[in-house]
Amino acid sequence: MWRSSFFSTLSRRSHGGLVNQRPVVANTSRSIPITSLSWNGSLQNTRTRSTASLETTVAPRTHSGPPQRLAVVTSDDHDLPIISADAGKVAIGWDTRTWSRFHNIWLRDHCRCPKCFHPVTKQRLLDTFEIPTDIAPLHIEAKAEGLEVTWPSQDPHVSLYPWSWLQQHSYDPSLGGKDASQEKVLWGSKIQKSPPTIAYEEVMAKDDQGLFKWLSNVDRFGFSFVSGVPETLEATEALSERIGFIRETQYGRFWEFTSDLAKGDTAYTTLALGAHTDNTYFTDPCGLQLLHLLSHTGGTGGASLLVDGFYVATIMKELHPEAYDLLSRIPIPAHAAGEPSALYRPSPPLGYPVLGHDAFTGELTQVRWNNDDRSVMNHLTSDLVEKWYDAIRTWNKSLTSPDSQYWVQLQPGTAVVLDNHRVLHGRSAFDGRRRMCGAYIGVDEYRSKLAVLSEKFAPDPVLVATEKIPLSTVKGRSIWNAAL
């Protein structure tokens, strides 16, 4: 049955593999008849097969008095998802076992017609708060393009919702199709055998394919090298600007530094630096950090250290769940106070936990750790002090384990960009004169650029399936973009 293939094709995802498989959309351009089924909370054995409308009584509404009549268009063809309705929801059967249910108010609120959603600015025009809390459709119909719903108003309002879009945004139940980002590849020391790398000329090419590959590497691995970079400040700055706006901080916009303590930070010394993330003293630490060794003369040392914080956290969650829990709950205050003209602390001043999670899904989203910048821990209760120190000791052992650490001697001409919310970095002590340059890029700039390039080079299958629907794309991106 096509209903079954429709569901399986659009919901295909990768879980746990090194390579994320993007779903392939079935051909929806053919003309497909209509089918529906009356709904009473479960799949009924008897299906109405007719090209006429089936009227279903809807429960009385407090604002309207007598029961309304809901028209459900039916057909004897089995190729489209089944549709039906009860007093408060519209149900869609993708196959005989998989149903999605959408509240009437949710459907009305998400109408994408030009009166409700601006096709150019991609902003909501509909006043959500004028929708009756007990709104119910007058008519629902399964069409080849999607679910068509007619809503009560002075002039009956018609909304169309593409099938693939509804499946992508299904919430009752969730069908796992909302996040189009790639699978993360967690790594330890063995990444040194084949680290993600791309050539400078590819990244700088006008067709943007190399840029997309570079940022996709960062999205999957948390870092990526760029080889063949001209050994100049100008070329490295241009490389940074390929991603987005450079973020200016107390260190400047695009910075060059050596071990002269020109800034009050240990990065401006010859000392070893343990694995850390930058900007723990900011409320919003930078998203990416780009570094390029321009020269190292008259000395040795200075090897660079990379550690996948998500990899270490995953191991800790499995082997040391209590420590993981403490690192996820207890905030750590931090500061940047080496410059007399600046004193940075996050807001709130107590800071944030080492491990940050999505408040809704519980997914690990950020690692935030720099023991050197940690402020006084005076907010712990007596029973937590020793437990917390045990937890960060376990964390440090995991960070410094040979299995977790990737050491590399950077050479002039090779730049590296790091996801500062995931990958920790450090260095060994050195002597001689070491000249570095680099920049910070905000996480939103990075994510925006990756999203735009993904639209171009790896389009969402939902957009492919909806591209022939009238008014889907008036200007710019489609109104059915998953991010909208």
Protein backbone atom coordinates (compact mmCIF):
# COMPACT_ATOMS: atom_id res chain seq x y z
CA MET A 1 0.00 0.00 0.00
CA TRP A 2 1.23 3.46 -0.80
CA ARG A 3 0.16 4.75 2.63
CA SER A 4 2.70 2.46 4.23
CA SER A 5 5.48 3.43 1.83
CA PHE A 6 4.54 7.10 2.27
CA PHE A 7 5.14 6.83 6.00
CA SER A 8 8.28 4.72 5.89
CA THR A 9 9.92 6.83 3.19
CA LEU A 10 9.43 10.15 4.92
CA SER A 11 10.31 8.91 8.38
CA ARG A 12 13.52 7.09 7.52
CA ARG A 13 16.36 8.28 9.78
CA SER A 14 19.77 7.15 10.93
CA HIS A 15 20.44 6.32 14.57
CA GLY A 16 23.95 5.67 15.81
CA GLY A 17 25.75 5.34 12.48
CA LEU A 18 28.68 7.40 11.33
CA VAL A 19 26.82 8.67 8.33
CA ASN A 20 23.36 10.19 8.51
CA GLN A 21 21.03 8.96 5.78
CA ARG A 22 18.77 11.66 4.46
CA PRO A 23 15.26 10.46 3.61
CA VAL A 24 14.17 10.16 0.01
CA VAL A 25 10.69 11.39 -0.79
CA ALA A 26 8.21 9.32 -2.72
CA ASN A 27 6.83 10.86 -5.90
CA THR A 28 3.79 12.89 -4.86
CA SER A 29 3.26 14.75 -8.12
CA ARG A 30 0.72 12.26 -9.49
CA SER A 31 -2.99 12.87 -9.08
CA ILE A 32 -4.31 10.74 -6.26
CA PRO A 33 -8.00 10.29 -5.33
CA ILE A 34 -9.37 11.10 -1.90
CA THR A 35 -9.96 8.70 0.96
CA SER A 36 -11.12 9.14 4.53
CA LEU A 37 -12.51 7.28 7.49
CA SER A 38 -14.92 8.32 10.20
CA TRP A 39 -13.08 8.58 13.49
CA ASN A 40 -14.21 7.48 16.94
CA GLY A 41 -10.82 7.20 18.65
CA SER A 42 -9.66 4.01 16.94
CA LEU A 43 -9.42 2.52 13.50
CA GLN A 44 -12.84 1.20 12.53
CA ASN A 45 -13.40 -1.99 10.60
CA THR A 46 -15.88 -0.49 8.17
CA ARG A 47 -14.62 2.17 5.77
CA THR A 48 -16.94 4.51 3.89
CA ARG A 49 -16.13 4.39 0.19
CA SER A 50 -17.79 7.14 -1.75
CA THR A 51 -16.95 10.30 -3.62
CA ALA A 52 -19.68 12.09 -1.68
CA SER A 53 -19.25 13.87 1.64
CA LEU A 54 -19.72 12.09 4.95
CA GLU A 55 -21.27 14.34 7.60
CA THR A 56 -20.31 13.68 11.19
CA THR A 57 -21.96 15.24 14.21
CA VAL A 58 -19.55 17.27 16.32
CA ALA A 59 -20.17 17.64 20.05
CA PRO A 60 -22.03 20.82 21.11
CA ARG A 61 -19.96 23.98 21.51
CA THR A 62 -20.51 26.37 24.37
CA HIS A 63 -20.39 29.33 21.97
CA SER A 64 -22.68 27.94 19.27
CA GLY A 65 -25.47 25.98 20.91
CA PRO A 66 -26.61 23.14 18.62
CA PRO A 67 -24.25 20.53 17.22
CA GLN A 68 -22.36 21.40 14.04
CA ARG A 69 -22.10 19.11 11.04
CA LEU A 70 -18.57 18.24 9.92
CA ALA A 71 -18.22 17.29 6.25
CA VAL A 72 -15.53 14.69 5.58
CA VAL A 73 -14.88 13.99 1.89
CA THR A 74 -14.40 10.30 1.17
CA SER A 75 -13.12 8.14 -1.68
CA ASP A 76 -12.66 4.49 -2.53
CA ASP A 77 -8.95 4.91 -3.25
CA HIS A 78 -6.39 3.76 -0.67
CA ASP A 79 -3.41 5.79 -1.82
CA LEU A 80 -3.74 8.81 0.47
CA PRO A 81 -3.52 8.91 4.25
CA ILE A 82 -6.82 8.33 6.01
CA ILE A 83 -8.40 11.39 7.65
CA SER A 84 -11.06 11.68 10.31
CA ALA A 85 -12.11 13.95 13.16
CA ASP A 86 -13.57 13.99 16.61
CA ALA A 87 -14.79 16.95 18.65
CA GLY A 88 -11.36 18.43 19.27
CA LYS A 89 -8.83 16.91 16.87
CA VAL A 90 -8.18 15.83 13.31
CA ALA A 91 -6.61 12.39 12.95
CA ILE A 92 -4.42 11.20 10.09
CA GLY A 93 -3.68 7.54 9.46
CA TRP A 94 -0.37 7.11 7.66
CA ASP A 95 -0.90 3.38 7.65
CA THR A 96 -3.11 0.99 9.61
CA ARG A 97 -0.86 1.20 12.67
CA THR A 98 0.42 4.77 12.68
CA TRP A 99 -1.82 7.72 13.38
CA SER A 100 -1.14 11.38 14.11
CA ARG A 101 -3.64 13.60 15.89
CA PHE A 102 -3.67 17.38 15.64
CA HIS A 103 -5.72 19.69 17.84
CA ASN A 104 -8.07 21.96 15.92
CA ILE A 105 -6.59 25.09 17.50
CA TRP A 106 -3.07 23.93 16.55
CA LEU A 107 -4.07 23.44 12.92
CA ARG A 108 -5.81 26.80 12.72
CA ASP A 109 -2.85 28.54 14.36
CA HIS A 110 -0.45 27.01 11.82
CA CYS A 111 -2.30 27.99 8.66
CA ARG A 112 0.21 29.10 6.02
CA CYS A 113 -2.13 30.90 3.63
CA PRO A 114 -1.08 34.48 2.66
CA LYS A 115 -3.70 35.96 5.01
CA CYS A 116 -2.27 34.10 8.00
CA PHE A 117 1.44 33.90 7.17
CA HIS A 118 3.40 36.49 5.19
CA PRO A 119 4.90 34.66 2.19
CA VAL A 120 7.86 37.04 1.91
CA THR A 121 8.82 37.91 5.50
CA LYS A 122 7.90 34.41 6.75
CA GLN A 123 6.17 35.91 9.79
CA ARG A 124 2.82 35.12 11.37
CA LEU A 125 -0.03 37.47 10.44
CA LEU A 126 -2.79 35.57 12.18
CA ASP A 127 -3.75 36.82 15.64
CA THR A 128 -3.51 33.61 17.63
CA PHE A 129 -5.60 35.05 20.43
CA GLU A 130 -8.61 35.63 18.20
CA ILE A 131 -8.93 31.90 17.52
CA PRO A 132 -11.83 30.47 19.55
CA THR A 133 -10.54 27.98 22.09
CA ASP A 134 -13.12 25.44 20.92
CA ILE A 135 -12.76 26.03 17.19
CA ALA A 136 -13.85 23.11 14.99
CA PRO A 137 -13.56 22.63 11.21
CA LEU A 138 -16.58 22.72 8.95
CA HIS A 139 -15.01 20.45 6.37
CA ILE A 140 -11.89 18.32 6.02
CA GLU A 141 -10.67 16.76 2.80
CA ALA A 142 -7.72 14.60 1.80
CA LYS A 143 -6.13 15.92 -1.37
CA ALA A 144 -3.03 14.94 -3.26
CA GLU A 145 -1.30 18.08 -1.98
CA GLY A 146 -2.29 17.54 1.64
CA LEU A 147 -5.01 17.98 4.23
CA GLU A 148 -7.51 20.71 3.36
CA VAL A 149 -9.50 22.17 6.24
CA THR A 150 -12.36 24.66 6.00
CA TRP A 151 -12.78 26.77 9.12
CA PRO A 152 -15.88 28.68 10.27
CA SER A 153 -15.73 32.45 9.71
CA GLN A 154 -17.72 35.16 7.94
CA ASP A 155 -16.10 33.95 4.74
CA PRO A 156 -15.14 30.31 5.37
CA HIS A 157 -11.38 30.09 5.65
CA VAL A 158 -9.55 27.27 3.83
CA SER A 159 -6.18 25.97 5.04
CA LEU A 160 -3.94 23.44 3.29
CA TYR A 161 -1.32 21.38 5.16
CA PRO A 162 1.06 19.21 3.08
CA TRP A 163 1.20 15.58 4.18
CA SER A 164 4.96 15.56 4.56
CA TRP A 165 4.85 18.76 6.64
CA LEU A 166 2.22 17.29 8.95
CA GLN A 167 4.26 14.16 9.45
CA GLN A 168 7.41 16.16 10.13
CA HIS A 169 5.64 18.19 12.81
CA SER A 170 3.53 15.42 14.31
CA TYR A 171 3.45 15.73 18.10
CA ASP A 172 0.79 13.17 19.04
CA PRO A 173 2.80 11.06 18.69
CA SER A 174 6.16 12.49 17.71
CA LEU A 175 7.40 10.71 14.60
CA GLY A 176 10.99 11.85 15.02
CA GLY A 177 11.18 14.04 11.95
CA LYS A 178 11.67 17.54 13.40
CA ASP A 179 15.45 17.77 13.69
CA ALA A 180 17.13 17.80 10.31
CA SER A 181 20.65 18.17 11.72
CA GLN A 182 23.20 15.46 11.04
CA GLU A 183 24.10 12.70 13.43
CA LYS A 184 27.01 13.59 15.71
CA VAL A 185 30.13 11.47 15.39
CA LEU A 186 31.69 11.03 18.82
CA TRP A 187 35.43 10.44 18.83
CA GLY A 188 38.46 9.79 20.98
CA SER A 189 42.17 9.60 20.29
CA LYS A 190 41.71 7.39 17.21
CA ILE A 191 40.38 10.39 15.28
CA GLN A 192 44.03 11.22 14.61
CA LYS A 193 44.03 8.54 11.90
CA SER A 194 41.61 10.50 9.74
CA PRO A 195 40.66 13.92 11.12
CA PRO A 196 38.12 15.95 9.14
CA THR A 197 40.06 18.20 6.77
CA ILE A 198 39.29 20.35 3.76
CA ALA A 199 41.42 22.52 1.48
CA TYR A 200 41.38 26.30 1.81
CA GLU A 201 40.66 26.78 -1.89
CA GLU A 202 37.56 24.60 -1.58
CA VAL A 203 36.22 26.61 1.34
CA MET A 204 36.84 29.91 -0.44
CA ALA A 205 35.28 28.80 -3.76
CA LYS A 206 32.28 30.88 -4.81
CA ASP A 207 29.98 27.89 -5.31
CA ASP A 208 29.93 27.36 -1.49
CA GLN A 209 30.09 23.57 -1.76
CA GLY A 210 33.41 23.49 0.08
CA LEU A 211 32.06 25.83 2.74
CA PHE A 212 29.10 23.51 3.25
CA LYS A 213 31.42 20.51 3.55
CA TRP A 214 33.57 22.37 6.08
CA LEU A 215 30.66 23.42 8.29
CA SER A 216 29.10 19.97 7.97
CA ASN A 217 32.35 18.53 9.31
CA VAL A 218 32.11 20.89 12.27
CA ASP A 219 28.48 19.93 12.83
CA ARG A 220 29.28 16.21 12.85
CA PHE A 221 32.71 16.08 14.49
CA GLY A 222 32.85 19.34 16.42
CA PHE A 223 35.96 20.49 14.56
CA SER A 224 37.64 20.56 11.18
CA PHE A 225 41.05 21.43 9.81
CA VAL A 226 41.61 23.63 6.77
CA SER A 227 44.82 22.94 4.85
CA GLY A 228 46.69 25.20 2.48
CA VAL A 229 45.79 28.46 4.24
CA PRO A 230 48.08 31.33 3.22
CA GLU A 231 50.22 32.21 6.23
CA THR A 232 48.87 35.71 6.59
CA LEU A 233 46.47 37.54 8.87
CA GLU A 234 44.40 38.66 5.90
CA ALA A 235 43.83 35.16 4.51
CA THR A 236 42.92 33.77 7.94
CA GLU A 237 40.50 36.62 8.59
CA ALA A 238 38.88 36.01 5.20
CA LEU A 239 38.51 32.34 6.12
CA SER A 240 36.77 33.29 9.37
CA GLU A 241 34.42 35.65 7.55
CA ARG A 242 33.29 32.84 5.25
CA ILE A 243 31.27 31.56 8.19
CA GLY A 244 29.72 34.83 9.32
CA PHE A 245 30.27 37.94 11.36
CA ILE A 246 33.34 37.80 13.57
CA ARG A 247 32.47 38.31 17.21
CA GLU A 248 34.40 41.09 18.93
CA THR A 249 35.40 40.56 22.56
CA GLN A 250 37.87 42.03 25.05
CA TYR A 251 40.61 40.41 22.94
CA GLY A 252 39.57 42.37 19.87
CA ARG A 253 37.81 41.37 16.68
CA PHE A 254 40.36 39.33 14.78
CA TRP A 255 43.27 38.72 17.09
CA GLU A 256 46.96 37.98 16.78
CA PHE A 257 48.80 36.91 19.90
CA THR A 258 52.07 35.57 21.22
CA SER A 259 53.52 34.85 24.66
CA ASP A 260 53.95 38.46 25.71
CA LEU A 261 51.05 38.82 28.18
CA ALA A 262 49.69 41.63 26.05
CA LYS A 263 46.33 40.55 27.45
CA GLY A 264 45.69 39.32 30.96
CA ASP A 265 45.11 35.68 30.02
CA THR A 266 47.28 32.56 30.28
CA ALA A 267 46.84 32.03 26.54
CA TYR A 268 49.34 34.89 26.20
CA THR A 269 52.05 32.90 28.03
CA THR A 270 54.21 29.84 27.30
CA LEU A 271 52.40 27.78 29.95
CA ALA A 272 50.57 24.54 29.26
CA LEU A 273 46.79 24.84 29.05
CA GLY A 274 44.54 21.96 30.06
CA ALA A 275 41.48 21.00 28.05
CA HIS A 276 38.94 23.80 28.30
CA THR A 277 36.26 25.70 26.46
CA ASP A 278 36.52 29.45 25.99
CA ASN A 279 34.30 32.19 27.39
CA THR A 280 32.88 30.33 30.39
CA TYR A 281 32.63 33.80 31.95
CA PHE A 282 30.20 34.93 29.22
CA THR A 283 26.47 34.37 29.44
CA ASP A 284 26.65 33.16 25.84
CA PRO A 285 30.08 31.70 25.03
CA CYS A 286 31.20 31.94 21.41
CA GLY A 287 29.99 29.19 19.12
CA LEU A 288 33.13 28.63 17.06
CA GLN A 289 36.78 29.43 17.54
CA LEU A 290 39.20 29.51 14.62
CA LEU A 291 42.96 29.24 15.24
CA HIS A 292 45.92 29.43 12.85
CA LEU A 293 49.58 29.04 13.81
CA LEU A 294 51.45 31.56 11.69
CA SER A 295 54.95 30.74 12.93
CA HIS A 296 56.95 29.10 15.74
CA THR A 297 60.63 29.99 15.84
CA GLY A 298 63.50 29.40 18.25
CA GLY A 299 61.84 26.70 20.32
CA THR A 300 59.80 23.51 20.63
CA GLY A 301 56.59 22.31 22.24
CA GLY A 302 53.19 23.88 21.89
CA ALA A 303 51.33 20.80 20.66
CA SER A 304 47.58 21.38 20.43
CA LEU A 305 45.08 19.25 22.34
CA LEU A 306 41.51 18.49 21.26
CA VAL A 307 38.96 16.57 23.35
CA ASP A 308 35.40 15.72 22.32
CA GLY A 309 33.37 16.83 25.33
CA PHE A 310 30.30 14.96 24.11
CA TYR A 311 32.32 11.74 23.90
CA VAL A 312 33.64 12.16 27.44
CA ALA A 313 30.21 13.11 28.77
CA THR A 314 28.62 10.05 27.17
CA ILE A 315 31.13 7.78 28.88
CA MET A 316 30.60 9.52 32.21
CA LYS A 317 26.84 9.19 31.96
CA GLU A 318 27.21 5.45 31.55
CA LEU A 319 29.99 4.78 34.07
CA HIS A 320 29.48 7.58 36.60
CA PRO A 321 25.81 8.63 36.50
CA GLU A 322 25.92 10.42 39.87
CA ALA A 323 28.89 12.55 38.79
CA TYR A 324 27.17 13.26 35.47
CA ASP A 325 24.07 14.39 37.33
CA LEU A 326 26.04 16.80 39.52
CA LEU A 327 27.87 18.25 36.52
CA SER A 328 24.47 18.77 34.89
CA ARG A 329 22.88 20.51 37.88
CA ILE A 330 25.44 22.52 39.84
CA PRO A 331 26.32 25.90 38.32
CA ILE A 332 29.92 27.08 38.26
CA PRO A 333 30.71 30.80 38.55
CA ALA A 334 33.49 32.08 36.30
CA HIS A 335 35.32 35.32 35.63
CA ALA A 336 37.70 37.11 33.28
CA ALA A 337 39.53 39.66 35.40
CA GLY A 338 43.05 39.97 33.99
CA GLU A 339 42.39 43.32 32.34
CA PRO A 340 41.91 46.36 34.62
CA SER A 341 39.39 47.78 32.17
CA ALA A 342 37.11 44.72 32.17
CA LEU A 343 35.52 42.31 34.64
CA TYR A 344 33.38 39.64 33.01
CA ARG A 345 30.97 37.34 34.85
CA PRO A 346 28.03 35.44 33.43
CA SER A 347 24.42 36.28 34.18
CA PRO A 348 23.31 34.96 36.60
CA PRO A 349 26.62 35.31 38.51
CA LEU A 350 26.43 31.73 39.79
CA GLY A 351 27.05 30.69 36.21
CA TYR A 352 26.02 27.48 34.48
CA PRO A 353 26.64 23.74 34.89
CA VAL A 354 29.46 21.99 33.06
CA LEU A 355 26.94 20.03 31.02
CA GLY A 356 24.02 21.87 29.43
CA HIS A 357 20.94 20.09 28.15
CA ASP A 358 17.88 20.84 26.07
CA ALA A 359 15.20 21.66 28.64
CA PHE A 360 12.55 19.77 26.65
CA THR A 361 14.33 16.71 25.22
CA GLY A 362 17.12 16.31 27.77
CA GLU A 363 19.68 16.06 24.97
CA LEU A 364 23.23 17.20 25.76
CA THR A 365 23.77 20.51 23.96
CA GLN A 366 26.78 22.20 25.55
CA VAL A 367 29.99 21.57 27.46
CA ARG A 368 31.23 24.53 29.47
CA TRP A 369 34.48 23.95 31.35
CA ASN A 370 37.56 25.98 32.26
CA ASN A 371 38.92 25.24 35.71
CA ASP A 372 41.38 28.14 35.41
CA ASP A 373 38.56 30.69 35.11
CA ARG A 374 36.43 29.21 37.90
CA SER A 375 35.38 31.59 40.68
CA VAL A 376 34.70 30.84 44.36
CA MET A 377 32.34 27.90 44.91
CA ASN A 378 30.50 29.30 47.93
CA HIS A 379 27.00 28.22 47.00
CA LEU A 380 27.33 24.48 47.66
CA THR A 381 25.54 22.95 50.61
CA SER A 382 27.72 21.06 53.06
CA ASP A 383 26.54 17.65 51.86
CA LEU A 384 27.46 18.48 48.24
CA VAL A 385 30.99 19.85 48.64
CA GLU A 386 32.87 16.55 48.65
CA LYS A 387 30.50 15.01 46.10
CA TRP A 388 31.07 17.91 43.73
CA TYR A 389 34.85 17.72 44.03
CA ASP A 390 34.65 13.98 43.39
CA ALA A 391 32.53 14.68 40.31
CA ILE A 392 34.94 17.20 38.76
CA ARG A 393 37.86 14.91 39.63
CA THR A 394 36.15 12.13 37.67
CA TRP A 395 35.48 14.58 34.85
CA ASN A 396 39.13 15.64 34.77
CA LYS A 397 40.33 12.03 34.72
CA SER A 398 38.12 11.41 31.72
CA LEU A 399 39.39 14.53 29.95
CA THR A 400 43.02 13.59 30.55
CA SER A 401 42.62 9.93 29.64
CA PRO A 402 44.82 9.00 26.64
CA ASP A 403 41.72 7.48 25.07
CA SER A 404 40.02 10.89 25.01
CA GLN A 405 42.89 13.11 23.90
CA TYR A 406 43.87 13.99 20.36
CA TRP A 407 47.25 15.71 20.24
CA VAL A 408 48.42 17.41 17.05
CA GLN A 409 51.34 19.68 16.25
CA LEU A 410 49.83 22.49 14.25
CA GLN A 411 51.87 23.75 11.33
CA PRO A 412 51.75 27.11 9.56
CA GLY A 413 49.23 26.86 6.74
CA THR A 414 46.77 24.65 8.63
CA ALA A 415 43.90 26.29 10.51
CA VAL A 416 41.43 24.58 12.80
CA VAL A 417 37.89 25.59 13.70
CA LEU A 418 36.33 24.24 16.90
CA ASP A 419 32.76 24.00 18.15
CA ASN A 420 33.29 25.77 21.47
CA HIS A 421 30.08 24.27 22.84
CA ARG A 422 31.41 20.75 22.36
CA VAL A 423 35.17 20.38 21.79
CA LEU A 424 37.65 21.37 24.48
CA HIS A 425 41.11 22.49 23.48
CA GLY A 426 44.48 23.03 25.15
CA ARG A 427 48.20 22.97 24.48
CA SER A 428 51.49 21.77 25.89
CA ALA A 429 54.06 24.22 27.24
CA PHE A 430 56.53 25.64 24.75
CA ASP A 431 59.54 27.87 24.36
CA GLY A 432 60.58 30.20 21.59
CA ARG A 433 58.29 32.64 19.81
CA ARG A 434 54.93 31.28 18.78
CA ARG A 435 52.65 33.53 16.72
CA MET A 436 48.95 32.68 16.51
CA CYS A 437 45.89 34.38 15.10
CA GLY A 438 42.21 33.64 15.18
CA ALA A 439 38.65 34.74 15.75
CA TYR A 440 35.39 33.91 17.49
CA ILE A 441 32.13 33.40 15.60
CA GLY A 442 28.75 33.38 17.33
CA VAL A 443 26.83 30.12 17.48
CA ASP A 444 23.83 31.73 15.79
CA GLU A 445 25.95 32.98 12.89
CA TYR A 446 27.40 29.51 12.38
CA ARG A 447 24.04 27.75 12.61
CA SER A 448 22.42 30.25 10.26
CA LYS A 449 25.09 29.78 7.60
CA LEU A 450 24.89 25.98 7.88
CA ALA A 451 21.09 26.09 7.62
CA VAL A 452 21.19 28.26 4.49
CA LEU A 453 23.77 26.02 2.84
CA SER A 454 21.77 22.92 3.80
CA GLU A 455 18.76 24.36 1.98
CA LYS A 456 20.94 24.61 -1.12
CA PHE A 457 22.96 21.39 -1.03
CA ALA A 458 20.92 19.01 1.16
CA PRO A 459 17.29 20.12 0.89
CA ASP A 460 14.75 18.92 3.39
CA PRO A 461 12.62 16.20 1.75
CA VAL A 462 9.53 17.98 3.01
CA LEU A 463 10.44 20.97 0.85
CA VAL A 464 11.00 18.72 -2.14
CA ALA A 465 7.56 17.21 -1.59
CA THR A 466 5.86 20.62 -1.30
CA GLU A 467 7.68 22.60 -3.98
CA LYS A 468 4.81 22.29 -6.49
CA ILE A 469 2.14 23.52 -4.08
CA PRO A 470 1.03 27.02 -5.14
CA LEU A 471 2.47 29.92 -3.09
CA SER A 472 4.89 27.65 -1.23
CA THR A 473 7.78 29.85 -2.34
CA VAL A 474 6.86 33.42 -3.28
CA LYS A 475 10.27 34.86 -2.44
CA GLY A 476 13.22 33.31 -0.67
CA ARG A 477 12.67 30.08 1.22
CA SER A 478 9.54 27.96 1.29
CA ILE A 479 6.82 28.66 3.82
CA TRP A 480 7.02 24.95 4.69
CA ASN A 481 10.62 25.16 5.89
CA ALA A 482 10.94 23.11 9.09
CA ALA A 483 12.52 26.03 10.94
CA LEU A 484 9.52 28.33 10.49
